[in-house]
């Protein structure tokens, strides 16, 4: 890994600590890069993320199980890092999406946070269950949160 990344060993271990820490970083980056919200359609961004996860599930699950196994060896402390980073990534992308597209700038940060948390919970639960459920049913479970985000973007001036 050090050769491919053009890092010296000390630089690698200073940055990542060990392979599971690198696994968390890779997993978060993969999910972030596939949660594309450039279009004016938040629901499509969520759908594309979930379809990517299902299509690349073998890779994602290997990383996820590496993280879980390491965490169990370390009394579970490490396990909290991945969910927090995943939730934060979804929230930041969601808030950024609303800020850029809001017609009035009048949106509720709490509503956005709650909707992003619902999506995070569904995604994390699905991942924790081995991505076995059909993505269309997972997409359907996210629709209420997507509707909340769309409502925040489309608020009209009173």
C-alpha atoms as a PDB file:
ATOM      1  CA  UNK A   1       0.000   0.000   0.000  1.00  0.00           C
ATOM      2  CA  UNK A   2       2.816   2.368   0.809  1.00  0.00           C
ATOM      3  CA  UNK A   3       4.347   1.932  -2.642  1.00  0.00           C
ATOM      4  CA  UNK A   4       1.047   2.416  -4.474  1.00  0.00           C
ATOM      5  CA  UNK A   5       0.196   5.514  -2.417  1.00  0.00           C
ATOM      6  CA  UNK A   6       3.755   6.846  -2.734  1.00  0.00           C
ATOM      7  CA  UNK A   7       4.031   7.038   1.066  1.00  0.00           C
ATOM      8  CA  UNK A   8       6.885   5.981   3.271  1.00  0.00           C
ATOM      9  CA  UNK A   9       5.885   3.549   6.003  1.00  0.00           C
ATOM     10  CA  UNK A  10       6.158   6.182   8.755  1.00  0.00           C
ATOM     11  CA  UNK A  11       3.958   8.567   6.746  1.00  0.00           C
ATOM     12  CA  UNK A  12       1.365   5.852   6.154  1.00  0.00           C
ATOM     13  CA  UNK A  13       1.171   4.895   9.828  1.00  0.00           C
ATOM     14  CA  UNK A  14       1.101   8.537  10.911  1.00  0.00           C
ATOM     15  CA  UNK A  15      -1.869   9.165   8.590  1.00  0.00           C
ATOM     16  CA  UNK A  16      -3.879   5.948   9.007  1.00  0.00           C
ATOM     17  CA  UNK A  17      -2.479   4.080  11.995  1.00  0.00           C
ATOM     18  CA  UNK A  18      -3.275   0.655  10.560  1.00  0.00           C
ATOM     19  CA  UNK A  19      -5.230  -1.176   7.879  1.00  0.00           C
ATOM     20  CA  UNK A  20      -8.679  -0.888   9.533  1.00  0.00           C
ATOM     21  CA  UNK A  21      -8.252   2.900   9.798  1.00  0.00           C
ATOM     22  CA  UNK A  22      -7.416   2.933   6.103  1.00  0.00           C
ATOM     23  CA  UNK A  23     -10.496   0.763   5.519  1.00  0.00           C
ATOM     24  CA  UNK A  24     -12.730   3.340   7.224  1.00  0.00           C
ATOM     25  CA  UNK A  25     -11.228   6.104   5.102  1.00  0.00           C
ATOM     26  CA  UNK A  26     -11.676   4.109   1.886  1.00  0.00           C
ATOM     27  CA  UNK A  27     -15.254   3.146   2.723  1.00  0.00           C
ATOM     28  CA  UNK A  28     -16.276   6.717   3.540  1.00  0.00           C
ATOM     29  CA  UNK A  29     -14.564   8.096   0.406  1.00  0.00           C
ATOM     30  CA  UNK A  30     -16.244   5.478  -1.811  1.00  0.00           C
ATOM     31  CA  UNK A  31     -19.668   6.275  -0.380  1.00  0.00           C
ATOM     32  CA  UNK A  32     -19.129  10.056  -0.543  1.00  0.00           C
ATOM     33  CA  UNK A  33     -17.955   9.917  -4.146  1.00  0.00           C
ATOM     34  CA  UNK A  34     -21.047   7.929  -5.142  1.00  0.00           C
ATOM     35  CA  UNK A  35     -23.515  10.219  -3.362  1.00  0.00           C
ATOM     36  CA  UNK A  36     -23.701  12.671  -6.244  1.00  0.00           C
ATOM     37  CA  UNK A  37     -26.060  15.556  -5.741  1.00  0.00           C
ATOM     38  CA  UNK A  38     -25.111  17.781  -8.661  1.00  0.00           C
ATOM     39  CA  UNK A  39     -28.520  17.483 -10.291  1.00  0.00           C
ATOM     40  CA  UNK A  40     -31.663  19.123  -8.955  1.00  0.00           C
ATOM     41  CA  UNK A  41     -32.922  15.787  -7.729  1.00  0.00           C
ATOM     42  CA  UNK A  42     -31.956  14.696  -4.219  1.00  0.00           C
ATOM     43  CA  UNK A  43     -33.912  11.456  -4.558  1.00  0.00           C
ATOM     44  CA  UNK A  44     -31.865  10.460  -7.606  1.00  0.00           C
ATOM     45  CA  UNK A  45     -28.654  11.077  -5.655  1.00  0.00           C
ATOM     46  CA  UNK A  46     -29.869   8.808  -2.846  1.00  0.00           C
ATOM     47  CA  UNK A  47     -30.995   6.198  -5.374  1.00  0.00           C
ATOM     48  CA  UNK A  48     -27.645   6.272  -7.188  1.00  0.00           C
ATOM     49  CA  UNK A  49     -25.789   5.839  -3.878  1.00  0.00           C
ATOM     50  CA  UNK A  50     -27.898   2.828  -2.907  1.00  0.00           C
ATOM     51  CA  UNK A  51     -27.593   1.224  -6.347  1.00  0.00           C
ATOM     52  CA  UNK A  52     -23.811   1.721  -6.247  1.00  0.00           C
ATOM     53  CA  UNK A  53     -23.670   0.094  -2.805  1.00  0.00           C
ATOM     54  CA  UNK A  54     -25.640  -2.897  -4.037  1.00  0.00           C
ATOM     55  CA  UNK A  55     -23.559  -3.256  -7.234  1.00  0.00           C
ATOM     56  CA  UNK A  56     -20.236  -2.999  -5.366  1.00  0.00           C
ATOM     57  CA  UNK A  57     -21.412  -4.831  -2.250  1.00  0.00           C
ATOM     58  CA  UNK A  58     -18.611  -7.416  -2.179  1.00  0.00           C
ATOM     59  CA  UNK A  59     -15.936  -4.719  -1.936  1.00  0.00           C
ATOM     60  CA  UNK A  60     -17.908  -2.577   0.533  1.00  0.00           C
ATOM     61  CA  UNK A  61     -18.758  -5.520   2.762  1.00  0.00           C
ATOM     62  CA  UNK A  62     -15.143  -6.709   2.883  1.00  0.00           C
ATOM     63  CA  UNK A  63     -14.083  -3.271   4.109  1.00  0.00           C
ATOM     64  CA  UNK A  64     -16.989  -3.102   6.523  1.00  0.00           C
ATOM     65  CA  UNK A  65     -16.268  -6.544   7.995  1.00  0.00           C
ATOM     66  CA  UNK A  66     -12.578  -5.657   8.351  1.00  0.00           C
ATOM     67  CA  UNK A  67     -13.618  -2.595  10.365  1.00  0.00           C
ATOM     68  CA  UNK A  68     -16.044  -4.617  12.522  1.00  0.00           C
ATOM     69  CA  UNK A  69     -13.521  -7.404  13.191  1.00  0.00           C
ATOM     70  CA  UNK A  70     -10.864  -4.907  14.228  1.00  0.00           C
ATOM     71  CA  UNK A  71     -13.342  -3.114  16.444  1.00  0.00           C
ATOM     72  CA  UNK A  72     -14.264  -6.304  18.274  1.00  0.00           C
ATOM     73  CA  UNK A  73     -10.584  -6.876  19.021  1.00  0.00           C
ATOM     74  CA  UNK A  74     -10.332  -3.338  20.438  1.00  0.00           C
ATOM     75  CA  UNK A  75     -13.362  -3.453  22.784  1.00  0.00           C
ATOM     76  CA  UNK A  76     -15.614  -1.734  20.254  1.00  0.00           C
ATOM     77  CA  UNK A  77     -14.132   1.766  20.602  1.00  0.00           C
ATOM     78  CA  UNK A  78     -13.041   1.868  16.981  1.00  0.00           C
ATOM     79  CA  UNK A  79     -16.506   0.871  15.739  1.00  0.00           C
ATOM     80  CA  UNK A  80     -18.019   4.239  16.638  1.00  0.00           C
ATOM     81  CA  UNK A  81     -15.727   6.066  14.229  1.00  0.00           C
ATOM     82  CA  UNK A  82     -17.219   4.694  11.002  1.00  0.00           C
ATOM     83  CA  UNK A  83     -20.917   5.341  11.768  1.00  0.00           C
ATOM     84  CA  UNK A  84     -20.152   8.887  12.941  1.00  0.00           C
ATOM     85  CA  UNK A  85     -18.158   9.626   9.793  1.00  0.00           C
ATOM     86  CA  UNK A  86     -20.874   8.145   7.592  1.00  0.00           C
ATOM     87  CA  UNK A  87     -23.611  10.163   9.298  1.00  0.00           C
ATOM     88  CA  UNK A  88     -21.519  13.327   9.068  1.00  0.00           C
ATOM     89  CA  UNK A  89     -20.818  12.769   5.350  1.00  0.00           C
ATOM     90  CA  UNK A  90     -24.526  12.313   4.557  1.00  0.00           C
ATOM     91  CA  UNK A  91     -25.475  15.384   6.608  1.00  0.00           C
ATOM     92  CA  UNK A  92     -22.839  17.623   5.021  1.00  0.00           C
ATOM     93  CA  UNK A  93     -23.772  16.546   1.477  1.00  0.00           C
ATOM     94  CA  UNK A  94     -27.472  17.042   2.242  1.00  0.00           C
ATOM     95  CA  UNK A  95     -27.044  20.478   3.808  1.00  0.00           C
ATOM     96  CA  UNK A  96     -24.792  21.563   0.935  1.00  0.00           C
ATOM     97  CA  UNK A  97     -27.422  20.373  -1.547  1.00  0.00           C
ATOM     98  CA  UNK A  98     -30.193  22.385   0.141  1.00  0.00           C
ATOM     99  CA  UNK A  99     -28.060  25.513   0.552  1.00  0.00           C
ATOM    100  CA  UNK A 100     -27.167  25.568  -3.135  1.00  0.00           C
ATOM    101  CA  UNK A 101     -30.693  24.967  -4.377  1.00  0.00           C
ATOM    102  CA  UNK A 102     -32.931  26.695  -1.873  1.00  0.00           C
ATOM    103  CA  UNK A 103     -35.149  29.232  -3.612  1.00  0.00           C
ATOM    104  CA  UNK A 104     -35.496  31.477  -0.581  1.00  0.00           C
ATOM    105  CA  UNK A 105     -32.688  30.542   1.814  1.00  0.00           C
ATOM    106  CA  UNK A 106     -35.494  29.851   4.290  1.00  0.00           C
ATOM    107  CA  UNK A 107     -34.952  26.261   5.337  1.00  0.00           C
ATOM    108  CA  UNK A 108     -34.863  24.392   8.611  1.00  0.00           C
ATOM    109  CA  UNK A 109     -31.461  23.019   9.568  1.00  0.00           C
ATOM    110  CA  UNK A 110     -33.246  20.741  12.051  1.00  0.00           C
ATOM    111  CA  UNK A 111     -35.487  19.296   9.310  1.00  0.00           C
ATOM    112  CA  UNK A 112     -32.426  18.750   7.107  1.00  0.00           C
ATOM    113  CA  UNK A 113     -30.534  17.127   9.966  1.00  0.00           C
ATOM    114  CA  UNK A 114     -33.486  14.861  10.783  1.00  0.00           C
ATOM    115  CA  UNK A 115     -33.933  13.819   7.133  1.00  0.00           C
ATOM    116  CA  UNK A 116     -30.208  13.155   6.720  1.00  0.00           C
ATOM    117  CA  UNK A 117     -30.281  11.108   9.934  1.00  0.00           C
ATOM    118  CA  UNK A 118     -33.154   8.985   8.607  1.00  0.00           C
ATOM    119  CA  UNK A 119     -31.196   8.278   5.416  1.00  0.00           C
ATOM    120  CA  UNK A 120     -28.045   7.505   7.415  1.00  0.00           C
ATOM    121  CA  UNK A 121     -29.977   5.108   9.666  1.00  0.00           C
ATOM    122  CA  UNK A 122     -31.470   3.257   6.697  1.00  0.00           C
ATOM    123  CA  UNK A 123     -28.108   3.058   4.886  1.00  0.00           C
ATOM    124  CA  UNK A 124     -26.206   1.933   7.985  1.00  0.00           C
ATOM    125  CA  UNK A 125     -28.831  -0.656   8.903  1.00  0.00           C
ATOM    126  CA  UNK A 126     -28.776  -2.014   5.343  1.00  0.00           C
ATOM    127  CA  UNK A 127     -24.976  -2.206   5.391  1.00  0.00           C
ATOM    128  CA  UNK A 128     -25.014  -3.862   8.813  1.00  0.00           C
ATOM    129  CA  UNK A 129     -27.440  -6.486   7.469  1.00  0.00           C
ATOM    130  CA  UNK A 130     -25.044  -7.341   4.626  1.00  0.00           C
ATOM    131  CA  UNK A 131     -26.772  -5.328   1.868  1.00  0.00           C
ATOM    132  CA  UNK A 132     -29.098  -8.286   1.345  1.00  0.00           C
ATOM    133  CA  UNK A 133     -32.345  -6.382   0.928  1.00  0.00           C
ATOM    134  CA  UNK A 134     -33.305  -5.356  -2.591  1.00  0.00           C
ATOM    135  CA  UNK A 135     -32.171  -1.747  -3.259  1.00  0.00           C
ATOM    136  CA  UNK A 136     -35.616  -0.727  -4.531  1.00  0.00           C
ATOM    137  CA  UNK A 137     -37.162  -1.420  -1.111  1.00  0.00           C
ATOM    138  CA  UNK A 138     -34.343   0.523   0.588  1.00  0.00           C
ATOM    139  CA  UNK A 139     -34.893   3.405  -1.849  1.00  0.00           C
ATOM    140  CA  UNK A 140     -38.589   3.319  -1.022  1.00  0.00           C
ATOM    141  CA  UNK A 141     -37.834   3.529   2.726  1.00  0.00           C
ATOM    142  CA  UNK A 142     -35.853   6.742   2.080  1.00  0.00           C
ATOM    143  CA  UNK A 143     -38.711   8.537   0.302  1.00  0.00           C
ATOM    144  CA  UNK A 144     -40.082  10.379   3.329  1.00  0.00           C
ATOM    145  CA  UNK A 145     -36.659  11.886   4.056  1.00  0.00           C
ATOM    146  CA  UNK A 146     -36.241  12.758   0.367  1.00  0.00           C
ATOM    147  CA  UNK A 147     -39.626  14.509   0.439  1.00  0.00           C
ATOM    148  CA  UNK A 148     -38.530  16.562   3.474  1.00  0.00           C
ATOM    149  CA  UNK A 149     -35.379  17.666   1.638  1.00  0.00           C
ATOM    150  CA  UNK A 150     -37.362  18.543  -1.493  1.00  0.00           C
ATOM    151  CA  UNK A 151     -39.777  20.552   0.657  1.00  0.00           C
ATOM    152  CA  UNK A 152     -36.881  22.504   2.205  1.00  0.00           C
ATOM    153  CA  UNK A 153     -35.459  23.298  -1.224  1.00  0.00           C
ATOM    154  CA  UNK A 154     -38.814  24.353  -2.693  1.00  0.00           C
ATOM    155  CA  UNK A 155     -40.088  26.568   0.136  1.00  0.00           C
ATOM    156  CA  UNK A 156     -41.808  29.640  -1.248  1.00  0.00           C
ATOM    157  CA  UNK A 157     -41.575  33.186   0.029  1.00  0.00           C
ATOM    158  CA  UNK A 158     -44.599  33.927   2.199  1.00  0.00           C
END
